Amino acid sequence: MATQRIMVSGRVQGVGYRDWVVRTAQRTGLTGWVRNVRDGRVEILVSGEDDTVAKLVEGCREGSPLARVEHVEAFAADDEKQHKGFTKRFTA
């Protein structure tokens, strides 16, 4: 099991990016959440099988059809809380 925090920058707010992340994560059995950040980025916390998490990180480089991703940064995260499913959160 892996837990990653992913920060995505570019034109990723207001273009369905978070909805794309939720659908992709739910379809592949990942848990965690996604939210907009006030500085214009999208933040994702995701847990699951190593290869499935890696595929989501790679997919974040494209995202939704209207998004224009400029940069994706992913790093290991410590998250003691067990998440049920994958949800969209309010802006942080």
PDB file of N, CA and C in Angstrom:
ATOM      1  N   MET A   1       0.837  -1.198   0.000  1.00  0.00           N
ATOM      2  CA  MET A   1       0.000   0.000   0.000  1.00  0.00           C
ATOM      3  C   MET A   1       0.872   1.247   0.000  1.00  0.00           C
ATOM      4  N   ALA A   2       0.443   2.221  -0.782  1.00  0.00           N
ATOM      5  CA  ALA A   2       1.156   3.483  -0.877  1.00  0.00           C
ATOM      6  C   ALA A   2       0.191   4.626  -0.602  1.00  0.00           C
ATOM      7  N   THR A   3       0.711   5.690  -0.010  1.00  0.00           N
ATOM      8  CA  THR A   3      -0.040   6.934   0.152  1.00  0.00           C
ATOM      9  C   THR A   3       0.805   8.047  -0.432  1.00  0.00           C
ATOM     10  N   GLN A   4       0.223   8.802  -1.357  1.00  0.00           N
ATOM     11  CA  GLN A   4       0.922   9.890  -2.029  1.00  0.00           C
ATOM     12  C   GLN A   4       0.120  11.181  -1.897  1.00  0.00           C
ATOM     13  N   ARG A   5       0.831  12.282  -1.745  1.00  0.00           N
ATOM     14  CA  ARG A   5       0.231  13.616  -1.844  1.00  0.00           C
ATOM     15  C   ARG A   5       0.679  14.147  -3.202  1.00  0.00           C
ATOM     16  N   ILE A   6      -0.268  14.601  -3.983  1.00  0.00           N
ATOM     17  CA  ILE A   6       0.007  15.073  -5.345  1.00  0.00           C
ATOM     18  C   ILE A   6      -0.433  16.524  -5.439  1.00  0.00           C
ATOM     19  N   MET A   7       0.439  17.377  -5.938  1.00  0.00           N
ATOM     20  CA  MET A   7       0.122  18.781  -6.169  1.00  0.00           C
ATOM     21  C   MET A   7       0.197  19.024  -7.674  1.00  0.00           C
ATOM     22  N   VAL A   8      -0.894  19.548  -8.235  1.00  0.00           N
ATOM     23  CA  VAL A   8      -0.992  19.736  -9.680  1.00  0.00           C
ATOM     24  C   VAL A   8      -1.190  21.217  -9.958  1.00  0.00           C
ATOM     25  N   SER A   9      -0.369  21.776 -10.846  1.00  0.00           N
ATOM     26  CA  SER A   9      -0.507  23.188 -11.190  1.00  0.00           C
ATOM     27  C   SER A   9      -0.760  23.340 -12.685  1.00  0.00           C
ATOM     28  N   GLY A  10      -1.251  24.500 -13.043  1.00  0.00           N
ATOM     29  CA  GLY A  10      -1.618  24.812 -14.424  1.00  0.00           C
ATOM     30  C   GLY A  10      -3.054  25.298 -14.427  1.00  0.00           C
ATOM     31  N   ARG A  11      -3.745  25.087 -15.550  1.00  0.00           N
ATOM     32  CA  ARG A  11      -5.170  25.430 -15.592  1.00  0.00           C
ATOM     33  C   ARG A  11      -5.929  24.181 -15.155  1.00  0.00           C
ATOM     34  N   VAL A  12      -6.092  24.042 -13.847  1.00  0.00           N
ATOM     35  CA  VAL A  12      -6.679  22.824 -13.289  1.00  0.00           C
ATOM     36  C   VAL A  12      -7.892  23.107 -12.392  1.00  0.00           C
ATOM     37  N   GLN A  13      -8.283  24.361 -12.275  1.00  0.00           N
ATOM     38  CA  GLN A  13      -9.483  24.692 -11.510  1.00  0.00           C
ATOM     39  C   GLN A  13     -10.537  25.227 -12.467  1.00  0.00           C
ATOM     40  N   GLY A  14     -11.782  24.789 -12.238  1.00  0.00           N
ATOM     41  CA  GLY A  14     -12.886  25.237 -13.081  1.00  0.00           C
ATOM     42  C   GLY A  14     -12.962  24.525 -14.425  1.00  0.00           C
ATOM     43  N   VAL A  15     -12.258  23.407 -14.556  1.00  0.00           N
ATOM     44  CA  VAL A  15     -12.237  22.680 -15.834  1.00  0.00           C
ATOM     45  C   VAL A  15     -12.585  21.200 -15.653  1.00  0.00           C
ATOM     46  N   GLY A  16     -13.155  20.835 -14.514  1.00  0.00           N
ATOM     47  CA  GLY A  16     -13.550  19.457 -14.271  1.00  0.00           C
ATOM     48  C   GLY A  16     -12.428  18.538 -13.827  1.00  0.00           C
ATOM     49  N   TYR A  17     -11.301  19.114 -13.431  1.00  0.00           N
ATOM     50  CA  TYR A  17     -10.149  18.293 -13.044  1.00  0.00           C
ATOM     51  C   TYR A  17     -10.444  17.459 -11.802  1.00  0.00           C
ATOM     52  N   ARG A  18     -11.019  18.078 -10.770  1.00  0.00           N
ATOM     53  CA  ARG A  18     -11.316  17.328  -9.543  1.00  0.00           C
ATOM     54  C   ARG A  18     -12.313  16.204  -9.812  1.00  0.00           C
ATOM     55  N   ASP A  19     -13.322  16.476 -10.622  1.00  0.00           N
ATOM     56  CA  ASP A  19     -14.294  15.431 -10.954  1.00  0.00           C
ATOM     57  C   ASP A  19     -13.613  14.275 -11.686  1.00  0.00           C
ATOM     58  N   TRP A  20     -12.685  14.594 -12.575  1.00  0.00           N
ATOM     59  CA  TRP A  20     -11.929  13.561 -13.283  1.00  0.00           C
ATOM     60  C   TRP A  20     -11.142  12.707 -12.291  1.00  0.00           C
ATOM     61  N   VAL A  21     -10.488  13.353 -11.312  1.00  0.00           N
ATOM     62  CA  VAL A  21      -9.715  12.622 -10.306  1.00  0.00           C
ATOM     63  C   VAL A  21     -10.630  11.697  -9.511  1.00  0.00           C
ATOM     64  N   VAL A  22     -11.787  12.199  -9.076  1.00  0.00           N
ATOM     65  CA  VAL A  22     -12.722  11.389  -8.288  1.00  0.00           C
ATOM     66  C   VAL A  22     -13.160  10.172  -9.096  1.00  0.00           C
ATOM     67  N   ARG A  23     -13.586  10.374 -10.335  1.00  0.00           N
ATOM     68  CA  ARG A  23     -14.044   9.244 -11.166  1.00  0.00           C
ATOM     69  C   ARG A  23     -12.935   8.222 -11.372  1.00  0.00           C
ATOM     70  N   THR A  24     -11.736   8.696 -11.665  1.00  0.00           N
ATOM     71  CA  THR A  24     -10.614   7.797 -11.911  1.00  0.00           C
ATOM     72  C   THR A  24     -10.256   7.010 -10.664  1.00  0.00           C
ATOM     73  N   ALA A  25     -10.191   7.688  -9.531  1.00  0.00           N
ATOM     74  CA  ALA A  25      -9.838   7.023  -8.269  1.00  0.00           C
ATOM     75  C   ALA A  25     -10.899   6.008  -7.867  1.00  0.00           C
ATOM     76  N   GLN A  26     -12.161   6.384  -7.977  1.00  0.00           N
ATOM     77  CA  GLN A  26     -13.235   5.467  -7.592  1.00  0.00           C
ATOM     78  C   GLN A  26     -13.255   4.241  -8.499  1.00  0.00           C
ATOM     79  N   ARG A  27     -13.044   4.441  -9.776  1.00  0.00           N
ATOM     80  CA  ARG A  27     -13.057   3.339 -10.741  1.00  0.00           C
ATOM     81  C   ARG A  27     -11.940   2.334 -10.472  1.00  0.00           C
ATOM     82  N   THR A  28     -10.825   2.806  -9.928  1.00  0.00           N
ATOM     83  CA  THR A  28      -9.674   1.925  -9.704  1.00  0.00           C
ATOM     84  C   THR A  28      -9.525   1.483  -8.251  1.00  0.00           C
ATOM     85  N   GLY A  29     -10.490   1.845  -7.393  1.00  0.00           N
ATOM     86  CA  GLY A  29     -10.492   1.381  -6.016  1.00  0.00           C
ATOM     87  C   GLY A  29      -9.558   2.123  -5.072  1.00  0.00           C
ATOM     88  N   LEU A  30      -9.126   3.319  -5.456  1.00  0.00           N
ATOM     89  CA  LEU A  30      -8.264   4.123  -4.584  1.00  0.00           C
ATOM     90  C   LEU A  30      -9.104   4.850  -3.545  1.00  0.00           C
ATOM     91  N   THR A  31      -8.486   5.232  -2.438  1.00  0.00           N
ATOM     92  CA  THR A  31      -9.168   6.012  -1.411  1.00  0.00           C
ATOM     93  C   THR A  31      -8.422   7.325  -1.203  1.00  0.00           C
ATOM     94  N   GLY A  32      -9.135   8.310  -0.628  1.00  0.00           N
ATOM     95  CA  GLY A  32      -8.516   9.594  -0.342  1.00  0.00           C
ATOM     96  C   GLY A  32      -9.428  10.742  -0.692  1.00  0.00           C
ATOM     97  N   TRP A  33      -8.828  11.842  -1.123  1.00  0.00           N
ATOM     98  CA  TRP A  33      -9.602  13.038  -1.438  1.00  0.00           C
ATOM     99  C   TRP A  33      -8.850  13.950  -2.412  1.00  0.00           C
ATOM    100  N   VAL A  34      -9.586  14.913  -2.973  1.00  0.00           N
ATOM    101  CA  VAL A  34      -9.027  15.931  -3.861  1.00  0.00           C
ATOM    102  C   VAL A  34      -9.676  17.258  -3.504  1.00  0.00           C
ATOM    103  N   ARG A  35      -8.904  18.351  -3.605  1.00  0.00           N
ATOM    104  CA  ARG A  35      -9.453  19.680  -3.334  1.00  0.00           C
ATOM    105  C   ARG A  35      -8.672  20.735  -4.095  1.00  0.00           C
ATOM    106  N   ASN A  36      -9.336  21.869  -4.333  1.00  0.00           N
ATOM    107  CA  ASN A  36      -8.652  23.037  -4.875  1.00  0.00           C
ATOM    108  C   ASN A  36      -7.868  23.696  -3.748  1.00  0.00           C
ATOM    109  N   VAL A  37      -6.781  24.352  -4.118  1.00  0.00           N
ATOM    110  CA  VAL A  37      -5.991  25.141  -3.177  1.00  0.00           C
ATOM    111  C   VAL A  37      -6.099  26.596  -3.631  1.00  0.00           C
ATOM    112  N   ARG A  38      -6.157  27.510  -2.693  1.00  0.00           N
ATOM    113  CA  ARG A  38      -6.372  28.930  -3.021  1.00  0.00           C
ATOM    114  C   ARG A  38      -5.338  29.503  -3.987  1.00  0.00           C
ATOM    115  N   ASP A  39      -4.150  28.893  -4.063  1.00  0.00           N
ATOM    116  CA  ASP A  39      -3.116  29.419  -4.970  1.00  0.00           C
ATOM    117  C   ASP A  39      -3.301  28.944  -6.418  1.00  0.00           C
ATOM    118  N   GLY A  40      -4.397  28.226  -6.694  1.00  0.00           N
ATOM    119  CA  GLY A  40      -4.696  27.808  -8.063  1.00  0.00           C
ATOM    120  C   GLY A  40      -4.345  26.362  -8.375  1.00  0.00           C
ATOM    121  N   ARG A  41      -3.681  25.687  -7.442  1.00  0.00           N
ATOM    122  CA  ARG A  41      -3.330  24.281  -7.665  1.00  0.00           C
ATOM    123  C   ARG A  41      -4.457  23.370  -7.191  1.00  0.00           C
ATOM    124  N   VAL A  42      -4.310  22.089  -7.513  1.00  0.00           N
ATOM    125  CA  VAL A  42      -5.190  21.050  -7.001  1.00  0.00           C
ATOM    126  C   VAL A  42      -4.327  20.119  -6.161  1.00  0.00           C
ATOM    127  N   GLU A  43      -4.831  19.751  -4.974  1.00  0.00           N
ATOM    128  CA  GLU A  43      -4.122  18.860  -4.070  1.00  0.00           C
ATOM    129  C   GLU A  43      -4.887  17.543  -3.974  1.00  0.00           C
ATOM    130  N   ILE A  44      -4.151  16.445  -4.023  1.00  0.00           N
ATOM    131  CA  ILE A  44      -4.742  15.105  -3.966  1.00  0.00           C
ATOM    132  C   ILE A  44      -4.007  14.305  -2.898  1.00  0.00           C
ATOM    133  N   LEU A  45      -4.755  13.604  -2.067  1.00  0.00           N
ATOM    134  CA  LEU A  45      -4.185  12.619  -1.154  1.00  0.00           C
ATOM    135  C   LEU A  45      -4.798  11.291  -1.542  1.00  0.00           C
ATOM    136  N   VAL A  46      -3.962  10.339  -1.925  1.00  0.00           N
ATOM    137  CA  VAL A  46      -4.470   9.074  -2.456  1.00  0.00           C
ATOM    138  C   VAL A  46      -3.738   7.899  -1.832  1.00  0.00           C
ATOM    139  N   SER A  47      -4.498   6.840  -1.523  1.00  0.00           N
ATOM    140  CA  SER A  47      -3.935   5.611  -0.972  1.00  0.00           C
ATOM    141  C   SER A  47      -4.444   4.421  -1.777  1.00  0.00           C
ATOM    142  N   GLY A  48      -3.587   3.422  -1.908  1.00  0.00           N
ATOM    143  CA  GLY A  48      -3.971   2.211  -2.608  1.00  0.00           C
ATOM    144  C   GLY A  48      -2.751   1.387  -2.952  1.00  0.00           C
ATOM    145  N   GLU A  49      -2.957   0.404  -3.811  1.00  0.00           N
ATOM    146  CA  GLU A  49      -1.855  -0.434  -4.273  1.00  0.00           C
ATOM    147  C   GLU A  49      -0.825   0.432  -5.006  1.00  0.00           C
ATOM    148  N   ASP A  50       0.448   0.113  -4.806  1.00  0.00           N
ATOM    149  CA  ASP A  50       1.537   0.922  -5.368  1.00  0.00           C
ATOM    150  C   ASP A  50       1.360   1.219  -6.853  1.00  0.00           C
ATOM    151  N   ASP A  51       1.098   0.191  -7.660  1.00  0.00           N
ATOM    152  CA  ASP A  51       1.010   0.390  -9.112  1.00  0.00           C
ATOM    153  C   ASP A  51      -0.219   1.207  -9.496  1.00  0.00           C
ATOM    154  N   THR A  52      -1.326   1.068  -8.754  1.00  0.00           N
ATOM    155  CA  THR A  52      -2.535   1.831  -9.053  1.00  0.00           C
ATOM    156  C   THR A  52      -2.337   3.301  -8.705  1.00  0.00           C
ATOM    157  N   VAL A  53      -1.684   3.577  -7.584  1.00  0.00           N
ATOM    158  CA  VAL A  53      -1.367   4.963  -7.215  1.00  0.00           C
ATOM    159  C   VAL A  53      -0.433   5.566  -8.255  1.00  0.00           C
ATOM    160  N   ALA A  54       0.575   4.819  -8.687  1.00  0.00           N
ATOM    161  CA  ALA A  54       1.514   5.315  -9.700  1.00  0.00           C
ATOM    162  C   ALA A  54       0.799   5.647 -11.005  1.00  0.00           C
ATOM    163  N   LYS A  55      -0.191   4.844 -11.380  1.00  0.00           N
ATOM    164  CA  LYS A  55      -0.956   5.117 -12.605  1.00  0.00           C
ATOM    165  C   LYS A  55      -1.767   6.397 -12.473  1.00  0.00           C
ATOM    166  N   LEU A  56      -2.334   6.638 -11.280  1.00  0.00           N
ATOM    167  CA  LEU A  56      -3.080   7.881 -11.080  1.00  0.00           C
ATOM    168  C   LEU A  56      -2.141   9.078 -11.179  1.00  0.00           C
ATOM    169  N   VAL A  57      -0.969   8.979 -10.543  1.00  0.00           N
ATOM    170  CA  VAL A  57       0.005  10.075 -10.612  1.00  0.00           C
ATOM    171  C   VAL A  57       0.339  10.366 -12.069  1.00  0.00           C
ATOM    172  N   GLU A  58       0.586   9.339 -12.848  1.00  0.00           N
ATOM    173  CA  GLU A  58       0.903   9.539 -14.272  1.00  0.00           C
ATOM    174  C   GLU A  58      -0.286  10.147 -15.018  1.00  0.00           C
ATOM    175  N   GLY A  59      -1.495   9.672 -14.715  1.00  0.00           N
ATOM    176  CA  GLY A  59      -2.690  10.214 -15.355  1.00  0.00           C
ATOM    177  C   GLY A  59      -2.936  11.669 -15.016  1.00  0.00           C
ATOM    178  N   CYS A  60      -2.489  12.102 -13.844  1.00  0.00           N
ATOM    179  CA  CYS A  60      -2.664  13.503 -13.439  1.00  0.00           C
ATOM    180  C   CYS A  60      -1.920  14.459 -14.353  1.00  0.00           C
ATOM    181  N   ARG A  61      -0.962  13.971 -15.103  1.00  0.00           N
ATOM    182  CA  ARG A  61      -0.215  14.827 -16.038  1.00  0.00           C
ATOM    183  C   ARG A  61      -1.089  15.265 -17.207  1.00  0.00           C
ATOM    184  N   GLU A  62      -2.188  14.561 -17.454  1.00  0.00           N
ATOM    185  CA  GLU A  62      -3.155  14.924 -18.498  1.00  0.00           C
ATOM    186  C   GLU A  62      -4.415  15.486 -17.862  1.00  0.00           C
ATOM    187  N   GLY A  63      -5.065  14.664 -17.020  1.00  0.00           N
ATOM    188  CA  GLY A  63      -6.273  15.108 -16.339  1.00  0.00           C
ATOM    189  C   GLY A  63      -7.467  15.204 -17.254  1.00  0.00           C
ATOM    190  N   SER A  64      -8.378  16.109 -16.929  1.00  0.00           N
ATOM    191  CA  SER A  64      -9.605  16.280 -17.697  1.00  0.00           C
ATOM    192  C   SER A  64      -9.297  16.934 -19.048  1.00  0.00           C
ATOM    193  N   PRO A  65     -10.202  16.754 -20.030  1.00  0.00           N
ATOM    194  CA  PRO A  65      -9.936  17.289 -21.376  1.00  0.00           C
ATOM    195  C   PRO A  65      -9.682  18.800 -21.438  1.00  0.00           C
ATOM    196  N   LEU A  66     -10.312  19.584 -20.570  1.00  0.00           N
ATOM    197  CA  LEU A  66     -10.141  21.041 -20.608  1.00  0.00           C
ATOM    198  C   LEU A  66      -8.946  21.538 -19.805  1.00  0.00           C
ATOM    199  N   ALA A  67      -8.348  20.674 -19.014  1.00  0.00           N
ATOM    200  CA  ALA A  67      -7.214  21.072 -18.174  1.00  0.00           C
ATOM    201  C   ALA A  67      -5.952  21.258 -19.009  1.00  0.00           C
ATOM    202  N   ARG A  68      -5.076  22.114 -18.515  1.00  0.00           N
ATOM    203  CA  ARG A  68      -3.741  22.308 -19.099  1.00  0.00           C
ATOM    204  C   ARG A  68      -2.749  22.178 -17.950  1.00  0.00           C
ATOM    205  N   VAL A  69      -2.281  20.967 -17.723  1.00  0.00           N
ATOM    206  CA  VAL A  69      -1.391  20.688 -16.599  1.00  0.00           C
ATOM    207  C   VAL A  69       0.014  21.170 -16.936  1.00  0.00           C
ATOM    208  N   GLU A  70       0.591  21.951 -16.026  1.00  0.00           N
ATOM    209  CA  GLU A  70       1.956  22.440 -16.199  1.00  0.00           C
ATOM    210  C   GLU A  70       2.962  21.645 -15.374  1.00  0.00           C
ATOM    211  N   HIS A  71       2.544  21.228 -14.169  1.00  0.00           N
ATOM    212  CA  HIS A  71       3.492  20.550 -13.288  1.00  0.00           C
ATOM    213  C   HIS A  71       2.748  19.623 -12.331  1.00  0.00           C
ATOM    214  N   VAL A  72       3.302  18.439 -12.121  1.00  0.00           N
ATOM    215  CA  VAL A  72       2.762  17.483 -11.147  1.00  0.00           C
ATOM    216  C   VAL A  72       3.897  17.099 -10.207  1.00  0.00           C
ATOM    217  N   GLU A  73       3.662  17.292  -8.918  1.00  0.00           N
ATOM    218  CA  GLU A  73       4.640  16.910  -7.899  1.00  0.00           C
ATOM    219  C   GLU A  73       3.978  15.878  -6.993  1.00  0.00           C
ATOM    220  N   ALA A  74       4.585  14.710  -6.864  1.00  0.00           N
ATOM    221  CA  ALA A  74       4.042  13.652  -6.010  1.00  0.00           C
ATOM    222  C   ALA A  74       5.101  13.217  -5.023  1.00  0.00           C
ATOM    223  N   PHE A  75       4.684  13.030  -3.792  1.00  0.00           N
ATOM    224  CA  PHE A  75       5.616  12.582  -2.773  1.00  0.00           C
ATOM    225  C   PHE A  75       4.888  11.729  -1.747  1.00  0.00           C
ATOM    226  N   ALA A  76       5.632  10.844  -1.101  1.00  0.00           N
ATOM    227  CA  ALA A  76       5.058   9.957  -0.093  1.00  0.00           C
ATOM    228  C   ALA A  76       4.469  10.783   1.035  1.00  0.00           C
ATOM    229  N   ALA A  77       3.333  10.337   1.543  1.00  0.00           N
ATOM    230  CA  ALA A  77       2.656  11.050   2.622  1.00  0.00           C
ATOM    231  C   ALA A  77       2.337  10.088   3.748  1.00  0.00           C
ATOM    232  N   ASP A  78       2.421  10.590   4.960  1.00  0.00           N
ATOM    233  CA  ASP A  78       1.995   9.826   6.121  1.00  0.00           C
ATOM    234  C   ASP A  78       0.566  10.235   6.422  1.00  0.00           C
ATOM    235  N   ASP A  79      -0.332   9.295   6.350  1.00  0.00           N
ATOM    236  CA  ASP A  79      -1.729   9.585   6.643  1.00  0.00           C
ATOM    237  C   ASP A  79      -2.261   8.454   7.498  1.00  0.00           C
ATOM    238  N   GLU A  80      -2.400   8.724   8.765  1.00  0.00           N
ATOM    239  CA  GLU A  80      -2.850   7.704   9.709  1.00  0.00           C
ATOM    240  C   GLU A  80      -4.330   7.375   9.520  1.00  0.00           C
ATOM    241  N   LYS A  81      -5.093   8.319   9.009  1.00  0.00           N
ATOM    242  CA  LYS A  81      -6.531   8.142   8.880  1.00  0.00           C
ATOM    243  C   LYS A  81      -6.863   7.220   7.702  1.00  0.00           C
ATOM    244  N   GLN A  82      -7.759   6.297   7.923  1.00  0.00           N
ATOM    245  CA  GLN A  82      -8.252   5.432   6.862  1.00  0.00           C
ATOM    246  C   GLN A  82      -9.445   6.123   6.197  1.00  0.00           C
ATOM    247  N   HIS A  83      -9.358   6.343   4.908  1.00  0.00           N
ATOM    248  CA  HIS A  83     -10.440   6.999   4.176  1.00  0.00           C
ATOM    249  C   HIS A  83     -11.361   5.945   3.582  1.00  0.00           C
ATOM    250  N   LYS A  84     -12.647   6.239   3.607  1.00  0.00           N
ATOM    251  CA  LYS A  84     -13.617   5.377   2.944  1.00  0.00           C
ATOM    252  C   LYS A  84     -13.928   6.001   1.602  1.00  0.00           C
ATOM    253  N   GLY A  85     -13.590   5.312   0.539  1.00  0.00           N
ATOM    254  CA  GLY A  85     -13.865   5.834  -0.783  1.00  0.00           C
ATOM    255  C   GLY A  85     -12.960   6.991  -1.143  1.00  0.00           C
ATOM    256  N   PHE A  86     -13.376   7.741  -2.152  1.00  0.00           N
ATOM    257  CA  PHE A  86     -12.610   8.888  -2.619  1.00  0.00           C
ATOM    258  C   PHE A  86     -13.578  10.052  -2.775  1.00  0.00           C
ATOM    259  N   THR A  87     -13.256  11.204  -2.150  1.00  0.00           N
ATOM    260  CA  THR A  87     -14.183  12.328  -2.107  1.00  0.00           C
ATOM    261  C   THR A  87     -13.557  13.624  -2.604  1.00  0.00           C
ATOM    262  N   LYS A  88     -14.433  14.554  -2.926  1.00  0.00           N
ATOM    263  CA  LYS A  88     -14.020  15.904  -3.305  1.00  0.00           C
ATOM    264  C   LYS A  88     -14.258  16.796  -2.086  1.00  0.00           C
ATOM    265  N   ARG A  89     -13.227  17.543  -1.689  1.00  0.00           N
ATOM    266  CA  ARG A  89     -13.326  18.419  -0.521  1.00  0.00           C
ATOM    267  C   ARG A  89     -13.414  19.880  -0.933  1.00  0.00           C
ATOM    268  N   PHE A  90     -13.770  20.713   0.049  1.00  0.00           N
ATOM    269  CA  PHE A  90     -13.819  22.150  -0.169  1.00  0.00           C
ATOM    270  C   PHE A  90     -12.412  22.717  -0.341  1.00  0.00           C
ATOM    271  N   THR A  91     -12.318  23.884  -0.923  1.00  0.00           N
ATOM    272  CA  THR A  91     -11.042  24.567  -1.144  1.00  0.00           C
ATOM    273  C   THR A  91     -10.333  24.823   0.175  1.00  0.00           C
ATOM    274  N   ALA A  92      -9.005  24.613   0.140  1.00  0.00           N
ATOM    275  CA  ALA A  92      -8.191  24.837   1.344  1.00  0.00           C
ATOM    276  C   ALA A  92      -7.462  26.159   1.245  1.00  0.00           C
TER     277      ALA A  92
END
